[in-house]
Protein backbone atom coordinates (compact mmCIF):
# COMPACT_ATOMS: atom_id res chain seq x y z
CA MET A 1 61.83 92.78 89.37
CA VAL A 2 64.52 94.90 87.82
CA LYS A 3 64.86 96.91 91.00
CA ARG A 4 65.10 93.73 93.07
CA SER A 5 67.86 92.40 90.76
CA LEU A 6 69.75 95.63 91.11
CA VAL A 7 69.50 95.46 94.90
CA ILE A 8 70.72 91.82 94.92
CA GLY A 9 73.45 92.70 92.53
CA GLY A 10 74.51 95.59 94.74
CA VAL A 11 74.57 93.39 97.83
CA ILE A 12 76.69 90.82 96.04
CA LEU A 13 79.09 93.52 94.92
CA VAL A 14 79.48 94.93 98.42
CA VAL A 15 79.99 91.39 99.84
CA ALA A 16 82.59 90.68 97.17
CA ILE A 17 84.51 93.85 97.87
CA GLY A 18 84.38 93.20 101.60
CA LEU A 19 85.54 89.65 101.12
CA GLY A 20 88.42 90.87 98.91
CA ILE A 21 89.54 93.38 101.56
CA PHE A 22 89.34 90.67 104.22
CA LEU A 23 91.30 88.20 102.21
CA GLY A 24 93.84 90.88 101.35
CA PHE A 25 94.21 91.62 105.04
CA LEU A 26 94.78 87.93 105.82
CA HIS A 27 97.52 87.77 103.17
CA GLU A 28 99.24 91.01 104.11
CA TYR A 29 102.97 90.50 104.09
CA ALA A 30 104.59 90.08 107.51
CA PHE A 31 108.16 91.32 107.60
CA ASN A 32 110.78 89.19 109.27
CA GLY A 33 112.48 92.27 110.79
CA VAL A 34 111.10 94.86 113.16
CA VAL A 35 109.34 97.61 111.20
CA TYR A 36 109.86 101.15 112.45
CA GLU A 37 106.62 102.83 113.47
CA ASN A 38 105.93 105.67 110.98
CA PRO A 39 109.24 105.23 109.09
CA LYS A 40 111.06 108.51 108.56
CA PRO A 41 114.03 109.54 106.35
CA ALA A 42 117.16 107.80 107.56
CA PRO A 43 119.66 110.03 109.37
CA GLN A 44 122.20 111.46 106.96
CA ILE A 45 125.66 109.75 106.71
CA ILE A 46 128.65 111.54 105.26
CA LEU A 47 131.91 109.65 105.90
CA ASP A 48 135.05 108.41 104.18
CA GLY A 49 134.46 105.29 102.03
CA SER A 50 136.70 102.31 101.57
CA ASP A 51 136.52 103.10 97.85
CA ASP A 52 138.65 106.27 98.54
CA ALA A 53 135.64 108.52 97.94
CA GLN A 54 133.43 110.49 100.34
CA PHE A 55 130.22 108.65 100.99
CA ASN A 56 126.88 110.41 101.09
CA LEU A 57 123.85 108.32 101.99
CA LYS A 58 121.67 110.43 99.68
CA SER A 59 123.51 109.03 96.70
CA LEU A 60 121.79 105.66 97.30
CA SER A 61 118.24 106.97 97.46
CA ASP A 62 117.14 104.50 94.76
CA LYS A 63 118.62 101.43 96.49
CA ILE A 64 117.91 99.30 99.52
CA VAL A 65 120.75 99.85 102.01
CA LEU A 66 121.77 97.37 104.69
CA ILE A 67 123.91 99.01 107.44
CA PHE A 68 125.94 97.24 110.07
CA PHE A 69 128.16 98.85 112.72
CA GLY A 70 131.28 96.87 113.58
CA TYR A 71 135.06 96.69 113.32
CA THR A 72 137.64 94.68 111.40
CA SER A 73 139.30 93.20 114.48
CA CYS A 74 136.00 91.78 115.79
CA PRO A 75 136.39 88.08 116.56
CA ASP A 76 132.83 86.88 116.09
CA VAL A 77 129.72 89.00 115.51
CA CYS A 78 131.10 91.12 112.65
CA PRO A 79 132.51 88.39 110.42
CA SER A 80 129.40 86.29 111.05
CA THR A 81 127.12 89.14 110.06
CA LEU A 82 129.13 89.94 106.94
CA SER A 83 129.06 86.31 105.96
CA ASP A 84 125.27 86.46 106.30
CA MET A 85 125.18 89.55 104.10
CA LYS A 86 127.22 87.75 101.47
CA ARG A 87 124.64 84.96 101.62
CA VAL A 88 121.78 87.51 101.30
CA THR A 89 123.21 88.96 98.12
CA LYS A 90 123.73 85.53 96.70
CA LEU A 91 120.11 84.64 97.41
CA LEU A 92 118.93 87.80 95.71
CA GLY A 93 120.64 86.97 92.44
CA ASP A 94 120.24 89.86 89.92
CA ASP A 95 118.18 91.79 92.50
CA ALA A 96 121.43 92.20 94.52
CA ASP A 97 122.22 95.12 92.18
CA SER A 98 119.44 97.00 93.96
CA VAL A 99 121.07 96.58 97.37
CA GLN A 100 124.16 98.15 98.97
CA VAL A 101 125.73 96.69 102.11
CA ILE A 102 127.47 99.30 104.31
CA PHE A 103 129.86 98.50 107.18
CA ILE A 104 130.48 101.45 109.50
CA THR A 105 133.35 101.16 111.92
CA VAL A 106 133.08 101.51 115.66
CA ASP A 107 136.91 101.42 115.89
CA PRO A 108 138.23 104.40 113.92
CA ASP A 109 141.65 104.27 115.62
CA ARG A 110 142.44 101.01 113.82
CA ASP A 111 140.02 100.86 110.91
CA THR A 112 141.62 102.93 108.18
CA VAL A 113 140.09 103.15 104.71
CA GLU A 114 142.72 100.73 103.46
CA LYS A 115 142.07 98.25 106.23
CA LEU A 116 138.33 98.34 105.70
CA ASN A 117 138.79 97.81 101.93
CA SER A 118 141.04 94.81 102.48
CA TYR A 119 138.77 93.27 105.13
CA LEU A 120 135.48 93.70 103.21
CA SER A 121 137.01 92.25 100.00
CA LEU A 122 137.24 88.94 101.87
CA PHE A 123 133.43 88.88 101.92
CA ASP A 124 132.28 90.85 98.86
CA PRO A 125 134.22 93.58 96.95
CA LYS A 126 130.93 95.46 96.53
CA PHE A 127 130.49 95.89 100.31
CA LEU A 128 131.41 99.43 101.32
CA GLY A 129 133.23 100.34 104.55
CA LEU A 130 132.94 103.75 106.20
CA THR A 131 135.15 105.61 108.67
CA GLY A 132 136.04 109.15 109.49
CA ALA A 133 136.73 111.62 112.28
CA VAL A 134 135.55 110.43 115.69
CA SER A 135 133.20 113.44 115.92
CA ASP A 136 131.54 112.55 112.65
CA LEU A 137 131.23 108.90 113.61
CA GLU A 138 129.85 109.74 117.04
CA LYS A 139 127.05 111.72 115.41
CA VAL A 140 126.13 108.73 113.22
CA TRP A 141 126.36 106.27 116.10
CA ASP A 142 124.09 108.44 118.17
CA GLU A 143 121.52 109.00 115.46
CA TYR A 144 121.26 105.25 114.77
CA GLY A 145 121.20 104.35 118.45
CA VAL A 146 124.44 102.42 118.32
CA TYR A 147 126.11 101.27 121.56
CA ARG A 148 129.92 101.31 121.42
CA GLU A 149 132.51 100.99 124.21
CA VAL A 150 136.25 100.23 123.97
CA ASP A 151 137.17 97.38 126.32
CA THR A 152 140.89 97.61 127.09
CA SER A 153 140.62 94.99 129.87
CA SER A 154 140.00 92.21 127.33
CA LYS A 155 142.71 91.33 124.89
CA THR A 156 142.78 89.16 121.74
CA ALA A 157 145.52 88.43 119.22
CA ALA A 158 144.26 91.50 117.38
CA GLY A 159 144.44 93.74 120.42
CA TYR A 160 141.66 95.31 122.46
CA LEU A 161 137.96 94.57 121.97
CA VAL A 162 135.18 97.01 121.19
CA ASN A 163 131.81 96.12 122.68
CA HIS A 164 129.03 97.27 120.34
CA SER A 165 125.41 96.71 119.41
CA SER A 166 124.80 94.13 116.72
CA ARG A 167 121.61 95.16 114.95
CA LEU A 168 121.34 95.37 111.16
CA TYR A 169 119.48 98.38 109.68
CA LEU A 170 117.52 98.41 106.44
CA ILE A 171 116.82 101.66 104.58
CA ASP A 172 114.24 101.31 101.82
CA GLN A 173 114.29 102.77 98.31
CA LYS A 174 112.50 105.88 99.58
CA GLY A 175 115.42 106.58 101.90
CA ARG A 176 113.46 105.64 105.04
CA LEU A 177 114.87 103.81 108.02
CA PHE A 178 112.36 101.02 107.60
CA LEU A 179 113.46 97.76 109.25
CA THR A 180 115.93 96.50 111.84
CA TYR A 181 117.08 92.95 112.40
CA GLY A 182 118.48 91.28 115.53
CA TYR A 183 121.78 89.38 115.36
CA GLY A 184 121.31 85.90 113.99
CA THR A 185 118.34 86.66 111.73
CA SER A 186 118.67 84.23 108.83
CA PRO A 187 119.88 85.45 105.42
CA GLU A 188 116.80 83.79 103.93
CA SER A 189 114.51 85.92 106.04
CA ILE A 190 116.31 89.12 105.17
CA ALA A 191 116.41 88.28 101.52
CA GLU A 192 112.65 87.53 101.56
CA ASP A 193 111.94 91.02 102.98
CA ILE A 194 114.12 92.66 100.34
CA GLU A 195 112.46 90.77 97.51
CA TYR A 196 109.11 91.97 98.78
CA LEU A 197 110.24 95.59 98.93
CA ILE A 198 111.72 95.38 95.44
CA SER A 199 108.58 93.99 93.97
CA ASN A 200 106.12 96.31 95.73
């Protein structure tokens, strides 16, 4: 009788564990961005910051980093994305202190440190702009898979246009290139992912 009870108890325990794993699988978090397969350390970035200091990505190893590549004379995608990033930090509240937004220029001929600082202050003074020598920027563009082409045939009030990719990159607290978002992903979706990463 005792042996039978032990067997029944063992079966119940196994079923309970299996059910718990199954339910856990069903409730596994689904990120709103595209997760990199086998996330690896993010490519290093050493450039000139809009805060007049040299920036080194490794200095932010304990933070979530959101990186966008654009330029200050951009008429549409860049200001729209930066506005979304402002909304993301607002949604995060106090958790925004665990996040750094980085804006890396694709137009170094016009985007000086001073211009980047002035431009980003219109969105959030905590946003950091990066520029540098073309050779240094080209290395970063290449390692992050950024498309960039100067279009002198199209003119705006601000001058020539720079065609560029519009993805947003998220580096997690472990320094891994972890997620990427397509243009137009809602601030709420991005903030939700960040809250999950902060709490897990």
